[in-house]
Amino acid sequence: MDAPLSTPCNIQICEVTCDSFRIMWDMTTEDTARATHFFIDLSRKENRDPNRFKHRDVPTKLVAKAVPLPMAVRGHWFLSPRTDYCVAVQTAVRQPDGDYLVSEWSQVVEFCTGDYAMEHLQQLLDKAKGSAGRLLKFSVFYRNQHPDYFDYVRGDGGGLMRPALKDSSGSHGSPINGKLNGVFFSCNTEFDTGLPPKDSPYGPLRFQIPAGHLLNPNISLYFADFYCMYTAYHYVVLVLAPVGTEGDTFCRTRLPMLDLASNPFLTYTAPQRQGEEPLYCHASDVILEVLFTEPVHLDQGSVEQISGHHQLMSLTTANAKKDPSCKVCNISVGR
């Protein structure tokens, strides 16, 4: 009868990305020579089942032929970005009759997958380009809020709208979620008037600021996300960061940079002749969410009551979850 396999120990996880990781553990020299297969039990941390390892001789989710460690585990069909996972391993020797001689399960190790890498964001950007539509002129960025917000800004805020941490809305793997501070603005206009829409789900008061204060040659423009919320229309998240600031440094190694004068979403065109004004354009077929990474003073613009309705807050994108089934805005590296 074959000697039992020792229990794998000292489990180590390394090279973690949004949809892959490498795993290694300690085995005896004898077991390393004998093992023909590895069994990997992987599950989301929040779904931990105390009986998950009840049947020690039944392979669970992943079965792999034994390879030199560390072993790569990858696959967007079971790994998602920024998600806590639990993993345990068994070693096994396949017998002539097809059965397996298996070790005990190892200890359970927890780890968290990473954000989208630049290559994944480039895939998302390529998809977003196909939905942008033609460019329309605009002249102001705007931000709707409730009266209490502007009262706070004028009082305790000293007139400054200060950057706040980006929430978890949109793609789960976007590198700015929960990590980058900014002030959100809109710039979409109504097709028939060329003006900002009369309605807003964010509040009945609107701060408007001339476009040139936020979009000019001293600003870096980055693509951050492309998503929908089970609707026909899509959102593109862009970041505007003054050159050389902390926000610019954060984005430079994490997000694709866009050319201010030539991109499908938001453009600045310098005056061609003396006396001309710059030209500002936005994409017509997506809703732009523009995150400006520095404080903005109310004195740079004006606050007015919108002429339309303040719609239900349920229509906002605050902490909104991306539709994982949409073929237009999802890529093959988790959601």
C-alpha atoms as a PDB file:
ATOM      1  CA  MET A   1       0.000   0.000   0.000  1.00  0.00           C
ATOM      2  CA  ASP A   2       1.323   3.446  -0.918  1.00  0.00           C
ATOM      3  CA  ALA A   3       2.463   5.715   1.910  1.00  0.00           C
ATOM      4  CA  PRO A   4       0.102   8.645   2.609  1.00  0.00           C
ATOM      5  CA  LEU A   5       0.892  12.045   1.181  1.00  0.00           C
ATOM      6  CA  SER A   6       1.874  14.767   3.615  1.00  0.00           C
ATOM      7  CA  THR A   7      -0.381  17.784   4.040  1.00  0.00           C
ATOM      8  CA  PRO A   8       0.754  20.805   1.986  1.00  0.00           C
ATOM      9  CA  CYS A   9       1.979  23.589   4.271  1.00  0.00           C
ATOM     10  CA  ASN A  10       3.300  27.140   4.167  1.00  0.00           C
ATOM     11  CA  ILE A  11       0.884  28.195   1.405  1.00  0.00           C
ATOM     12  CA  GLN A  12       2.091  31.337  -0.379  1.00  0.00           C
ATOM     13  CA  ILE A  13       0.273  33.540  -2.892  1.00  0.00           C
ATOM     14  CA  CYS A  14       2.229  35.846  -5.219  1.00  0.00           C
ATOM     15  CA  GLU A  15       1.991  37.825  -8.476  1.00  0.00           C
ATOM     16  CA  VAL A  16      -1.680  38.633  -7.906  1.00  0.00           C
ATOM     17  CA  THR A  17      -3.525  40.461 -10.710  1.00  0.00           C
ATOM     18  CA  CYS A  18      -7.199  41.195 -11.308  1.00  0.00           C
ATOM     19  CA  ASP A  19      -7.796  37.703 -12.718  1.00  0.00           C
ATOM     20  CA  SER A  20      -4.782  35.549 -11.869  1.00  0.00           C
ATOM     21  CA  PHE A  21      -2.313  34.584  -9.172  1.00  0.00           C
ATOM     22  CA  ARG A  22       0.504  32.160  -8.485  1.00  0.00           C
ATOM     23  CA  ILE A  23       0.431  29.707  -5.617  1.00  0.00           C
ATOM     24  CA  MET A  24       3.145  27.608  -4.015  1.00  0.00           C
ATOM     25  CA  TRP A  25       3.548  25.460  -0.907  1.00  0.00           C
ATOM     26  CA  ASP A  26       6.036  23.206   0.821  1.00  0.00           C
ATOM     27  CA  MET A  27       6.083  19.458   0.079  1.00  0.00           C
ATOM     28  CA  THR A  28       8.495  16.715   1.026  1.00  0.00           C
ATOM     29  CA  THR A  29      10.972  15.628  -1.621  1.00  0.00           C
ATOM     30  CA  GLU A  30       9.220  12.275  -1.823  1.00  0.00           C
ATOM     31  CA  ASP A  31       5.807  13.862  -2.375  1.00  0.00           C
ATOM     32  CA  THR A  32       7.200  16.229  -5.013  1.00  0.00           C
ATOM     33  CA  ALA A  33       8.431  13.219  -6.949  1.00  0.00           C
ATOM     34  CA  ARG A  34       5.179  11.254  -6.545  1.00  0.00           C
ATOM     35  CA  ALA A  35       2.452  13.876  -7.016  1.00  0.00           C
ATOM     36  CA  THR A  36       0.683  13.732 -10.362  1.00  0.00           C
ATOM     37  CA  HIS A  37      -2.079  16.283  -9.696  1.00  0.00           C
ATOM     38  CA  PHE A  38      -2.946  19.293  -7.565  1.00  0.00           C
ATOM     39  CA  PHE A  39      -6.479  20.097  -6.399  1.00  0.00           C
ATOM     40  CA  ILE A  40      -7.203  23.777  -5.793  1.00  0.00           C
ATOM     41  CA  ASP A  41     -10.297  24.790  -3.818  1.00  0.00           C
ATOM     42  CA  LEU A  42     -11.031  28.452  -4.493  1.00  0.00           C
ATOM     43  CA  SER A  43     -14.036  30.436  -3.293  1.00  0.00           C
ATOM     44  CA  ARG A  44     -15.036  33.983  -2.464  1.00  0.00           C
ATOM     45  CA  LYS A  45     -14.406  34.825   1.141  1.00  0.00           C
ATOM     46  CA  GLU A  46     -17.978  35.935   1.816  1.00  0.00           C
ATOM     47  CA  ASN A  47     -19.261  32.551   0.639  1.00  0.00           C
ATOM     48  CA  ARG A  48     -17.120  30.430   2.901  1.00  0.00           C
ATOM     49  CA  ASP A  49     -18.733  27.109   3.746  1.00  0.00           C
ATOM     50  CA  PRO A  50     -17.497  25.371   6.923  1.00  0.00           C
ATOM     51  CA  ASN A  51     -18.210  21.987   5.297  1.00  0.00           C
ATOM     52  CA  ARG A  52     -16.351  22.815   2.098  1.00  0.00           C
ATOM     53  CA  PHE A  53     -13.569  20.318   2.845  1.00  0.00           C
ATOM     54  CA  LYS A  54     -15.784  17.594   4.246  1.00  0.00           C
ATOM     55  CA  HIS A  55     -15.030  15.101   1.461  1.00  0.00           C
ATOM     56  CA  ARG A  56     -11.263  15.168   1.382  1.00  0.00           C
ATOM     57  CA  ASP A  57     -10.977  12.738  -1.514  1.00  0.00           C
ATOM     58  CA  VAL A  58     -13.256  14.642  -3.900  1.00  0.00           C
ATOM     59  CA  PRO A  59     -11.595  17.303  -6.084  1.00  0.00           C
ATOM     60  CA  THR A  60     -13.598  20.518  -5.899  1.00  0.00           C
ATOM     61  CA  LYS A  61     -13.127  23.377  -8.361  1.00  0.00           C
ATOM     62  CA  LEU A  62      -9.751  23.143 -10.061  1.00  0.00           C
ATOM     63  CA  VAL A  63      -7.785  20.022 -10.996  1.00  0.00           C
ATOM     64  CA  ALA A  64      -4.346  20.496 -12.498  1.00  0.00           C
ATOM     65  CA  LYS A  65      -1.522  18.214 -13.463  1.00  0.00           C
ATOM     66  CA  ALA A  66       1.417  18.625 -11.120  1.00  0.00           C
ATOM     67  CA  VAL A  67       3.809  21.306 -12.338  1.00  0.00           C
ATOM     68  CA  PRO A  68       6.833  23.001 -10.810  1.00  0.00           C
ATOM     69  CA  LEU A  69       5.770  25.558  -8.211  1.00  0.00           C
ATOM     70  CA  PRO A  70       4.710  28.341  -8.111  1.00  0.00           C
ATOM     71  CA  MET A  71       1.714  27.335 -10.210  1.00  0.00           C
ATOM     72  CA  ALA A  72      -0.273  29.928 -12.159  1.00  0.00           C
ATOM     73  CA  VAL A  73      -4.041  30.055 -11.618  1.00  0.00           C
ATOM     74  CA  ARG A  74      -5.919  32.285 -14.028  1.00  0.00           C
ATOM     75  CA  GLY A  75      -9.364  32.638 -15.530  1.00  0.00           C
ATOM     76  CA  HIS A  76     -11.887  35.476 -15.676  1.00  0.00           C
ATOM     77  CA  TRP A  77     -14.755  32.969 -15.421  1.00  0.00           C
ATOM     78  CA  PHE A  78     -14.032  32.428 -11.715  1.00  0.00           C
ATOM     79  CA  LEU A  79     -11.797  35.342 -10.663  1.00  0.00           C
ATOM     80  CA  SER A  80     -12.987  38.946 -10.356  1.00  0.00           C
ATOM     81  CA  PRO A  81     -10.997  42.117  -9.609  1.00  0.00           C
ATOM     82  CA  ARG A  82     -10.737  43.472  -6.061  1.00  0.00           C
ATOM     83  CA  THR A  83     -12.345  40.417  -4.525  1.00  0.00           C
ATOM     84  CA  ASP A  84     -11.378  38.511  -1.367  1.00  0.00           C
ATOM     85  CA  TYR A  85     -10.836  34.797  -1.934  1.00  0.00           C
ATOM     86  CA  CYS A  86     -10.059  31.726   0.174  1.00  0.00           C
ATOM     87  CA  VAL A  87      -7.857  28.993  -1.246  1.00  0.00           C
ATOM     88  CA  ALA A  88      -6.670  25.579  -0.063  1.00  0.00           C
ATOM     89  CA  VAL A  89      -4.754  22.822  -1.839  1.00  0.00           C
ATOM     90  CA  GLN A  90      -4.403  19.045  -1.934  1.00  0.00           C
ATOM     91  CA  THR A  91      -1.729  17.003  -3.607  1.00  0.00           C
ATOM     92  CA  ALA A  92      -2.690  13.756  -5.292  1.00  0.00           C
ATOM     93  CA  VAL A  93      -1.292  10.669  -6.981  1.00  0.00           C
ATOM     94  CA  ARG A  94      -3.402   9.122  -9.706  1.00  0.00           C
ATOM     95  CA  GLN A  95      -3.627   5.363  -9.342  1.00  0.00           C
ATOM     96  CA  PRO A  96      -3.659   2.821 -12.196  1.00  0.00           C
ATOM     97  CA  ASP A  97      -7.399   2.271 -11.658  1.00  0.00           C
ATOM     98  CA  GLY A  98      -8.125   5.988 -12.055  1.00  0.00           C
ATOM     99  CA  ASP A  99      -8.695   6.738  -8.380  1.00  0.00           C
ATOM    100  CA  TYR A 100      -6.589   9.258  -6.503  1.00  0.00           C
ATOM    101  CA  LEU A 101      -4.462   8.939  -3.410  1.00  0.00           C
ATOM    102  CA  VAL A 102      -4.830  12.401  -1.849  1.00  0.00           C
ATOM    103  CA  SER A 103      -3.322  14.392   0.977  1.00  0.00           C
ATOM    104  CA  GLU A 104      -5.306  16.201   3.621  1.00  0.00           C
ATOM    105  CA  TRP A 105      -6.428  19.691   2.664  1.00  0.00           C
ATOM    106  CA  SER A 106      -3.955  22.415   3.526  1.00  0.00           C
ATOM    107  CA  GLN A 107      -4.768  25.351   5.723  1.00  0.00           C
ATOM    108  CA  VAL A 108      -7.065  27.960   4.132  1.00  0.00           C
ATOM    109  CA  VAL A 109      -5.265  31.096   2.933  1.00  0.00           C
ATOM    110  CA  GLU A 110      -6.978  34.377   2.090  1.00  0.00           C
ATOM    111  CA  PHE A 111      -5.950  36.921  -0.537  1.00  0.00           C
ATOM    112  CA  CYS A 112      -7.447  39.751  -2.588  1.00  0.00           C
ATOM    113  CA  THR A 113      -7.230  40.158  -6.362  1.00  0.00           C
ATOM    114  CA  GLY A 114      -5.989  43.426  -7.861  1.00  0.00           C
ATOM    115  CA  ASP A 115      -7.281  46.284  -9.994  1.00  0.00           C
ATOM    116  CA  TYR A 116      -7.463  46.349 -13.759  1.00  0.00           C
ATOM    117  CA  ALA A 117      -3.974  46.703 -15.195  1.00  0.00           C
ATOM    118  CA  MET A 118      -3.225  49.203 -17.967  1.00  0.00           C
ATOM    119  CA  GLU A 119      -3.763  46.516 -20.637  1.00  0.00           C
ATOM    120  CA  HIS A 120      -7.253  45.771 -19.307  1.00  0.00           C
ATOM    121  CA  LEU A 121      -8.176  49.471 -19.233  1.00  0.00           C
ATOM    122  CA  GLN A 122      -6.964  49.754 -22.817  1.00  0.00           C
ATOM    123  CA  GLN A 123      -9.407  46.981 -23.774  1.00  0.00           C
ATOM    124  CA  LEU A 124     -12.183  48.883 -21.981  1.00  0.00           C
ATOM    125  CA  LEU A 125     -11.140  52.104 -23.704  1.00  0.00           C
ATOM    126  CA  ASP A 126     -11.276  50.420 -27.104  1.00  0.00           C
ATOM    127  CA  LYS A 127     -14.839  49.287 -26.371  1.00  0.00           C
ATOM    128  CA  ALA A 128     -15.834  52.756 -25.175  1.00  0.00           C
ATOM    129  CA  LYS A 129     -14.566  54.352 -28.374  1.00  0.00           C
ATOM    130  CA  GLY A 130     -17.137  52.360 -30.325  1.00  0.00           C
ATOM    131  CA  SER A 131     -19.997  53.880 -28.323  1.00  0.00           C
ATOM    132  CA  ALA A 132     -18.879  57.513 -28.081  1.00  0.00           C
ATOM    133  CA  GLY A 133     -20.708  58.936 -31.088  1.00  0.00           C
ATOM    134  CA  ARG A 134     -19.949  62.278 -32.673  1.00  0.00           C
ATOM    135  CA  LEU A 135     -18.562  65.288 -30.815  1.00  0.00           C
ATOM    136  CA  LEU A 136     -20.802  68.180 -29.748  1.00  0.00           C
ATOM    137  CA  LYS A 137     -19.720  71.637 -28.608  1.00  0.00           C
ATOM    138  CA  PHE A 138     -20.117  72.679 -24.977  1.00  0.00           C
ATOM    139  CA  SER A 139     -19.040  75.670 -22.899  1.00  0.00           C
ATOM    140  CA  VAL A 140     -19.494  74.800 -19.206  1.00  0.00           C
ATOM    141  CA  PHE A 141     -18.929  72.003 -16.757  1.00  0.00           C
ATOM    142  CA  TYR A 142     -21.670  71.673 -14.157  1.00  0.00           C
ATOM    143  CA  ARG A 143     -22.357  69.953 -10.865  1.00  0.00           C
ATOM    144  CA  ASN A 144     -25.795  69.492  -9.259  1.00  0.00           C
ATOM    145  CA  GLN A 145     -26.240  69.174  -5.512  1.00  0.00           C
ATOM    146  CA  HIS A 146     -28.698  69.897  -2.711  1.00  0.00           C
ATOM    147  CA  PRO A 147     -28.816  73.290  -0.936  1.00  0.00           C
ATOM    148  CA  ASP A 148     -27.228  71.771   2.187  1.00  0.00           C
ATOM    149  CA  TYR A 149     -24.133  70.882   0.174  1.00  0.00           C
ATOM    150  CA  PHE A 150     -23.591  74.409  -1.102  1.00  0.00           C
ATOM    151  CA  ASP A 151     -24.346  75.868   2.349  1.00  0.00           C
ATOM    152  CA  TYR A 152     -21.583  73.660   3.738  1.00  0.00           C
ATOM    153  CA  VAL A 153     -19.165  74.654   0.979  1.00  0.00           C
ATOM    154  CA  ARG A 154     -19.773  78.359   1.583  1.00  0.00           C
ATOM    155  CA  GLY A 155     -19.431  77.951   5.349  1.00  0.00           C
ATOM    156  CA  ASP A 156     -17.161  75.215   6.671  1.00  0.00           C
ATOM    157  CA  GLY A 157     -15.628  74.647   3.233  1.00  0.00           C
ATOM    158  CA  GLY A 158     -14.419  78.217   2.839  1.00  0.00           C
ATOM    159  CA  GLY A 159     -16.003  78.378  -0.619  1.00  0.00           C
ATOM    160  CA  LEU A 160     -14.070  75.343  -1.882  1.00  0.00           C
ATOM    161  CA  MET A 161     -15.638  72.200  -3.278  1.00  0.00           C
ATOM    162  CA  ARG A 162     -13.044  69.762  -2.001  1.00  0.00           C
ATOM    163  CA  PRO A 163     -12.188  66.409  -3.599  1.00  0.00           C
ATOM    164  CA  ALA A 164     -13.866  63.338  -2.093  1.00  0.00           C
ATOM    165  CA  LEU A 165     -12.929  59.683  -2.436  1.00  0.00           C
ATOM    166  CA  LYS A 166     -14.333  58.038  -5.563  1.00  0.00           C
ATOM    167  CA  ASP A 167     -17.069  55.542  -4.666  1.00  0.00           C
ATOM    168  CA  SER A 168     -17.400  51.958  -5.926  1.00  0.00           C
ATOM    169  CA  SER A 169     -19.714  52.681  -8.862  1.00  0.00           C
ATOM    170  CA  GLY A 170     -18.902  51.334 -12.306  1.00  0.00           C
ATOM    171  CA  SER A 171     -16.427  48.573 -13.082  1.00  0.00           C
ATOM    172  CA  HIS A 172     -15.299  46.744  -9.973  1.00  0.00           C
ATOM    173  CA  GLY A 173     -11.703  46.712 -11.199  1.00  0.00           C
ATOM    174  CA  SER A 174     -11.303  50.422 -11.977  1.00  0.00           C
ATOM    175  CA  PRO A 175      -8.110  51.622 -10.243  1.00  0.00           C
ATOM    176  CA  ILE A 176      -9.689  54.901  -9.093  1.00  0.00           C
ATOM    177  CA  ASN A 177     -12.509  53.316  -7.053  1.00  0.00           C
ATOM    178  CA  GLY A 178     -11.905  54.019  -3.380  1.00  0.00           C
ATOM    179  CA  LYS A 179      -8.398  55.341  -4.129  1.00  0.00           C
ATOM    180  CA  LEU A 180      -8.582  58.657  -5.993  1.00  0.00           C
ATOM    181  CA  ASN A 181     -10.088  61.883  -4.668  1.00  0.00           C
ATOM    182  CA  GLY A 182     -11.910  64.288  -6.923  1.00  0.00           C
ATOM    183  CA  VAL A 183     -14.920  66.503  -7.580  1.00  0.00           C
ATOM    184  CA  PHE A 184     -17.378  65.120 -10.132  1.00  0.00           C
ATOM    185  CA  PHE A 185     -18.680  67.269 -12.958  1.00  0.00           C
ATOM    186  CA  SER A 186     -20.869  66.713 -16.011  1.00  0.00           C
ATOM    187  CA  CYS A 187     -20.623  68.367 -19.411  1.00  0.00           C
ATOM    188  CA  ASN A 188     -23.232  66.598 -21.563  1.00  0.00           C
ATOM    189  CA  THR A 189     -25.653  68.907 -23.342  1.00  0.00           C
ATOM    190  CA  GLU A 190     -29.112  68.499 -24.797  1.00  0.00           C
ATOM    191  CA  PHE A 191     -29.038  67.757 -28.501  1.00  0.00           C
ATOM    192  CA  ASP A 192     -31.604  70.388 -29.479  1.00  0.00           C
ATOM    193  CA  THR A 193     -30.396  73.307 -27.332  1.00  0.00           C
ATOM    194  CA  GLY A 194     -26.667  72.711 -26.856  1.00  0.00           C
ATOM    195  CA  LEU A 195     -27.190  73.539 -23.176  1.00  0.00           C
ATOM    196  CA  PRO A 196     -26.977  71.391 -20.017  1.00  0.00           C
ATOM    197  CA  PRO A 197     -30.165  69.383 -19.352  1.00  0.00           C
ATOM    198  CA  LYS A 198     -32.901  71.041 -17.314  1.00  0.00           C
ATOM    199  CA  ASP A 199     -33.304  68.034 -15.003  1.00  0.00           C
ATOM    200  CA  SER A 200     -30.907  66.289 -12.626  1.00  0.00           C
ATOM    201  CA  PRO A 201     -31.068  63.385 -10.149  1.00  0.00           C
ATOM    202  CA  TYR A 202     -28.335  64.917  -7.977  1.00  0.00           C
ATOM    203  CA  GLY A 203     -30.039  68.070  -6.658  1.00  0.00           C
ATOM    204  CA  PRO A 204     -32.010  71.196  -7.628  1.00  0.00           C
ATOM    205  CA  LEU A 205     -29.031  73.577  -7.474  1.00  0.00           C
ATOM    206  CA  ARG A 206     -26.411  73.630 -10.219  1.00  0.00           C
ATOM    207  CA  PHE A 207     -22.880  75.011 -10.099  1.00  0.00           C
ATOM    208  CA  GLN A 208     -21.622  75.974 -13.564  1.00  0.00           C
ATOM    209  CA  ILE A 209     -18.025  76.806 -14.408  1.00  0.00           C
ATOM    210  CA  PRO A 210     -16.542  77.887 -17.756  1.00  0.00           C
ATOM    211  CA  ALA A 211     -15.019  74.866 -19.462  1.00  0.00           C
ATOM    212  CA  GLY A 212     -11.577  76.465 -19.723  1.00  0.00           C
ATOM    213  CA  HIS A 213     -11.114  76.456 -15.942  1.00  0.00           C
ATOM    214  CA  LEU A 214     -11.035  72.646 -15.908  1.00  0.00           C
ATOM    215  CA  LEU A 215      -9.990  71.768 -19.468  1.00  0.00           C
ATOM    216  CA  ASN A 216      -6.889  73.488 -20.833  1.00  0.00           C
ATOM    217  CA  PRO A 217      -3.297  72.689 -21.897  1.00  0.00           C
ATOM    218  CA  ASN A 218      -2.187  72.511 -18.242  1.00  0.00           C
ATOM    219  CA  ILE A 219      -4.501  69.550 -17.593  1.00  0.00           C
ATOM    220  CA  SER A 220      -3.861  65.832 -18.073  1.00  0.00           C
ATOM    221  CA  LEU A 221      -6.849  63.819 -19.325  1.00  0.00           C
ATOM    222  CA  TYR A 222      -7.243  60.120 -18.450  1.00  0.00           C
ATOM    223  CA  PHE A 223      -9.731  57.359 -19.245  1.00  0.00           C
ATOM    224  CA  ALA A 224     -10.909  55.547 -16.093  1.00  0.00           C
ATOM    225  CA  ASP A 225     -14.029  53.466 -16.823  1.00  0.00           C
ATOM    226  CA  PHE A 226     -16.832  52.428 -19.174  1.00  0.00           C
ATOM    227  CA  TYR A 227     -20.009  50.898 -17.779  1.00  0.00           C
ATOM    228  CA  CYS A 228     -23.798  50.696 -17.770  1.00  0.00           C
ATOM    229  CA  MET A 229     -26.429  49.975 -15.135  1.00  0.00           C
ATOM    230  CA  TYR A 230     -28.764  47.556 -16.931  1.00  0.00           C
ATOM    231  CA  THR A 231     -29.731  50.383 -19.303  1.00  0.00           C
ATOM    232  CA  ALA A 232     -29.305  51.080 -23.002  1.00  0.00           C
ATOM    233  CA  TYR A 233     -27.045  54.097 -22.410  1.00  0.00           C
ATOM    234  CA  HIS A 234     -23.475  53.942 -21.157  1.00  0.00           C
ATOM    235  CA  TYR A 235     -21.214  56.000 -18.922  1.00  0.00           C
ATOM    236  CA  VAL A 236     -17.582  56.954 -19.505  1.00  0.00           C
ATOM    237  CA  VAL A 237     -15.546  58.116 -16.513  1.00  0.00           C
ATOM    238  CA  LEU A 238     -12.731  60.551 -17.267  1.00  0.00           C
ATOM    239  CA  VAL A 239     -10.187  62.135 -14.932  1.00  0.00           C
ATOM    240  CA  LEU A 240      -8.917  65.705 -15.297  1.00  0.00           C
ATOM    241  CA  ALA A 241      -5.751  66.279 -13.266  1.00  0.00           C
ATOM    242  CA  PRO A 242      -3.635  69.448 -13.341  1.00  0.00           C
ATOM    243  CA  VAL A 243      -0.164  68.540 -14.610  1.00  0.00           C
ATOM    244  CA  GLY A 244       2.270  67.646 -11.837  1.00  0.00           C
ATOM    245  CA  THR A 245      -0.310  67.302  -9.065  1.00  0.00           C
ATOM    246  CA  GLU A 246      -0.767  64.278  -6.814  1.00  0.00           C
ATOM    247  CA  GLY A 247      -3.778  63.186  -8.873  1.00  0.00           C
ATOM    248  CA  ASP A 248      -1.758  63.390 -12.084  1.00  0.00           C
ATOM    249  CA  THR A 249       1.007  61.278 -10.547  1.00  0.00           C
ATOM    250  CA  PHE A 250      -1.521  58.678  -9.359  1.00  0.00           C
ATOM    251  CA  CYS A 251      -3.163  58.366 -12.778  1.00  0.00           C
ATOM    252  CA  ARG A 252      -0.029  58.408 -14.903  1.00  0.00           C
ATOM    253  CA  THR A 253       0.957  54.820 -14.104  1.00  0.00           C
ATOM    254  CA  ARG A 254      -2.578  53.431 -13.726  1.00  0.00           C
ATOM    255  CA  LEU A 255      -4.820  54.933 -16.428  1.00  0.00           C
ATOM    256  CA  PRO A 256      -4.558  55.427 -20.202  1.00  0.00           C
ATOM    257  CA  MET A 257      -3.802  59.075 -20.999  1.00  0.00           C
ATOM    258  CA  LEU A 258      -5.851  60.724 -23.741  1.00  0.00           C
ATOM    259  CA  ASP A 259      -4.758  63.423 -26.167  1.00  0.00           C
ATOM    260  CA  LEU A 260      -6.625  66.629 -25.253  1.00  0.00           C
ATOM    261  CA  ALA A 261      -7.063  67.584 -28.892  1.00  0.00           C
ATOM    262  CA  SER A 262      -7.813  64.162 -30.367  1.00  0.00           C
ATOM    263  CA  ASN A 263      -9.960  61.617 -28.539  1.00  0.00           C
ATOM    264  CA  PRO A 264     -13.588  60.461 -28.885  1.00  0.00           C
ATOM    265  CA  PHE A 265     -14.852  61.718 -25.501  1.00  0.00           C
ATOM    266  CA  LEU A 266     -13.727  65.174 -24.403  1.00  0.00           C
ATOM    267  CA  THR A 267     -11.565  67.571 -26.414  1.00  0.00           C
ATOM    268  CA  TYR A 268      -9.882  70.940 -26.155  1.00  0.00           C
ATOM    269  CA  THR A 269      -8.913  72.679 -29.401  1.00  0.00           C
ATOM    270  CA  ALA A 270      -6.663  75.714 -29.073  1.00  0.00           C
ATOM    271  CA  PRO A 271      -7.600  78.923 -30.899  1.00  0.00           C
ATOM    272  CA  GLN A 272      -6.374  78.915 -34.487  1.00  0.00           C
ATOM    273  CA  ARG A 273      -6.319  82.710 -34.887  1.00  0.00           C
ATOM    274  CA  GLN A 274      -5.874  85.694 -32.631  1.00  0.00           C
ATOM    275  CA  GLY A 275      -9.120  86.678 -30.970  1.00  0.00           C
ATOM    276  CA  GLU A 276     -10.697  83.232 -31.306  1.00  0.00           C
ATOM    277  CA  GLU A 277     -11.883  81.216 -28.326  1.00  0.00           C
ATOM    278  CA  PRO A 278     -10.860  77.608 -27.615  1.00  0.00           C
ATOM    279  CA  LEU A 279     -13.288  74.917 -28.746  1.00  0.00           C
ATOM    280  CA  TYR A 280     -14.601  72.343 -26.257  1.00  0.00           C
ATOM    281  CA  CYS A 281     -16.454  69.193 -27.347  1.00  0.00           C
ATOM    282  CA  HIS A 282     -18.016  66.170 -25.641  1.00  0.00           C
ATOM    283  CA  ALA A 283     -19.137  62.761 -26.912  1.00  0.00           C
ATOM    284  CA  SER A 284     -22.809  62.696 -27.867  1.00  0.00           C
ATOM    285  CA  ASP A 285     -23.738  59.045 -27.297  1.00  0.00           C
ATOM    286  CA  VAL A 286     -22.315  58.365 -23.817  1.00  0.00           C
ATOM    287  CA  ILE A 287     -22.816  60.104 -20.487  1.00  0.00           C
ATOM    288  CA  LEU A 288     -19.522  61.579 -19.302  1.00  0.00           C
ATOM    289  CA  GLU A 289     -18.628  61.604 -15.619  1.00  0.00           C
ATOM    290  CA  VAL A 290     -15.628  63.902 -15.229  1.00  0.00           C
ATOM    291  CA  LEU A 291     -13.563  63.724 -12.046  1.00  0.00           C
ATOM    292  CA  PHE A 292     -11.448  66.829 -11.362  1.00  0.00           C
ATOM    293  CA  THR A 293      -8.743  66.013  -8.839  1.00  0.00           C
ATOM    294  CA  GLU A 294      -8.215  69.443  -7.246  1.00  0.00           C
ATOM    295  CA  PRO A 295     -10.483  71.743  -5.164  1.00  0.00           C
ATOM    296  CA  VAL A 296     -12.756  74.095  -7.117  1.00  0.00           C
ATOM    297  CA  HIS A 297     -13.819  77.463  -5.669  1.00  0.00           C
ATOM    298  CA  LEU A 298     -17.405  78.617  -6.043  1.00  0.00           C
ATOM    299  CA  ASP A 299     -16.124  82.036  -7.118  1.00  0.00           C
ATOM    300  CA  GLN A 300     -14.937  80.450 -10.374  1.00  0.00           C
ATOM    301  CA  GLY A 301     -18.542  79.900 -11.461  1.00  0.00           C
ATOM    302  CA  SER A 302     -22.146  80.427 -10.395  1.00  0.00           C
ATOM    303  CA  VAL A 303     -24.849  78.493  -8.527  1.00  0.00           C
ATOM    304  CA  GLU A 304     -28.408  78.584  -9.847  1.00  0.00           C
ATOM    305  CA  GLN A 305     -31.686  76.713  -9.491  1.00  0.00           C
ATOM    306  CA  ILE A 306     -32.364  74.314 -12.368  1.00  0.00           C
ATOM    307  CA  SER A 307     -35.494  75.022 -14.388  1.00  0.00           C
ATOM    308  CA  GLY A 308     -36.531  71.360 -14.632  1.00  0.00           C
ATOM    309  CA  HIS A 309     -37.251  68.703 -12.041  1.00  0.00           C
ATOM    310  CA  HIS A 310     -35.011  67.244  -9.410  1.00  0.00           C
ATOM    311  CA  GLN A 311     -35.513  63.575 -10.246  1.00  0.00           C
ATOM    312  CA  LEU A 312     -35.415  60.634  -7.870  1.00  0.00           C
ATOM    313  CA  MET A 313     -32.033  59.877  -6.311  1.00  0.00           C
ATOM    314  CA  SER A 314     -32.498  56.268  -7.454  1.00  0.00           C
ATOM    315  CA  LEU A 315     -31.505  57.504 -10.915  1.00  0.00           C
ATOM    316  CA  THR A 316     -28.029  58.538  -9.777  1.00  0.00           C
ATOM    317  CA  THR A 317     -24.894  56.483 -10.306  1.00  0.00           C
ATOM    318  CA  ALA A 318     -23.737  56.662  -6.666  1.00  0.00           C
ATOM    319  CA  ASN A 319     -22.241  53.234  -5.853  1.00  0.00           C
ATOM    320  CA  ALA A 320     -24.060  51.836  -8.897  1.00  0.00           C
ATOM    321  CA  LYS A 321     -23.104  48.305  -9.926  1.00  0.00           C
ATOM    322  CA  LYS A 322     -22.096  47.519 -13.467  1.00  0.00           C
ATOM    323  CA  ASP A 323     -24.236  45.159 -15.522  1.00  0.00           C
ATOM    324  CA  PRO A 324     -21.988  42.063 -15.783  1.00  0.00           C
ATOM    325  CA  SER A 325     -23.943  40.655 -18.734  1.00  0.00           C
ATOM    326  CA  CYS A 326     -23.595  43.647 -21.081  1.00  0.00           C
ATOM    327  CA  LYS A 327     -21.575  42.705 -24.149  1.00  0.00           C
ATOM    328  CA  VAL A 328     -20.897  46.336 -25.008  1.00  0.00           C
ATOM    329  CA  CYS A 329     -18.985  47.408 -21.880  1.00  0.00           C
ATOM    330  CA  ASN A 330     -17.501  44.231 -20.372  1.00  0.00           C
ATOM    331  CA  ILE A 331     -14.097  42.734 -21.049  1.00  0.00           C
ATOM    332  CA  SER A 332     -12.869  39.203 -20.422  1.00  0.00           C
ATOM    333  CA  VAL A 333     -11.065  39.877 -17.142  1.00  0.00           C
ATOM    334  CA  GLY A 334     -13.882  39.877 -14.603  1.00  0.00           C
ATOM    335  CA  ARG A 335     -16.200  42.805 -13.917  1.00  0.00           C
END
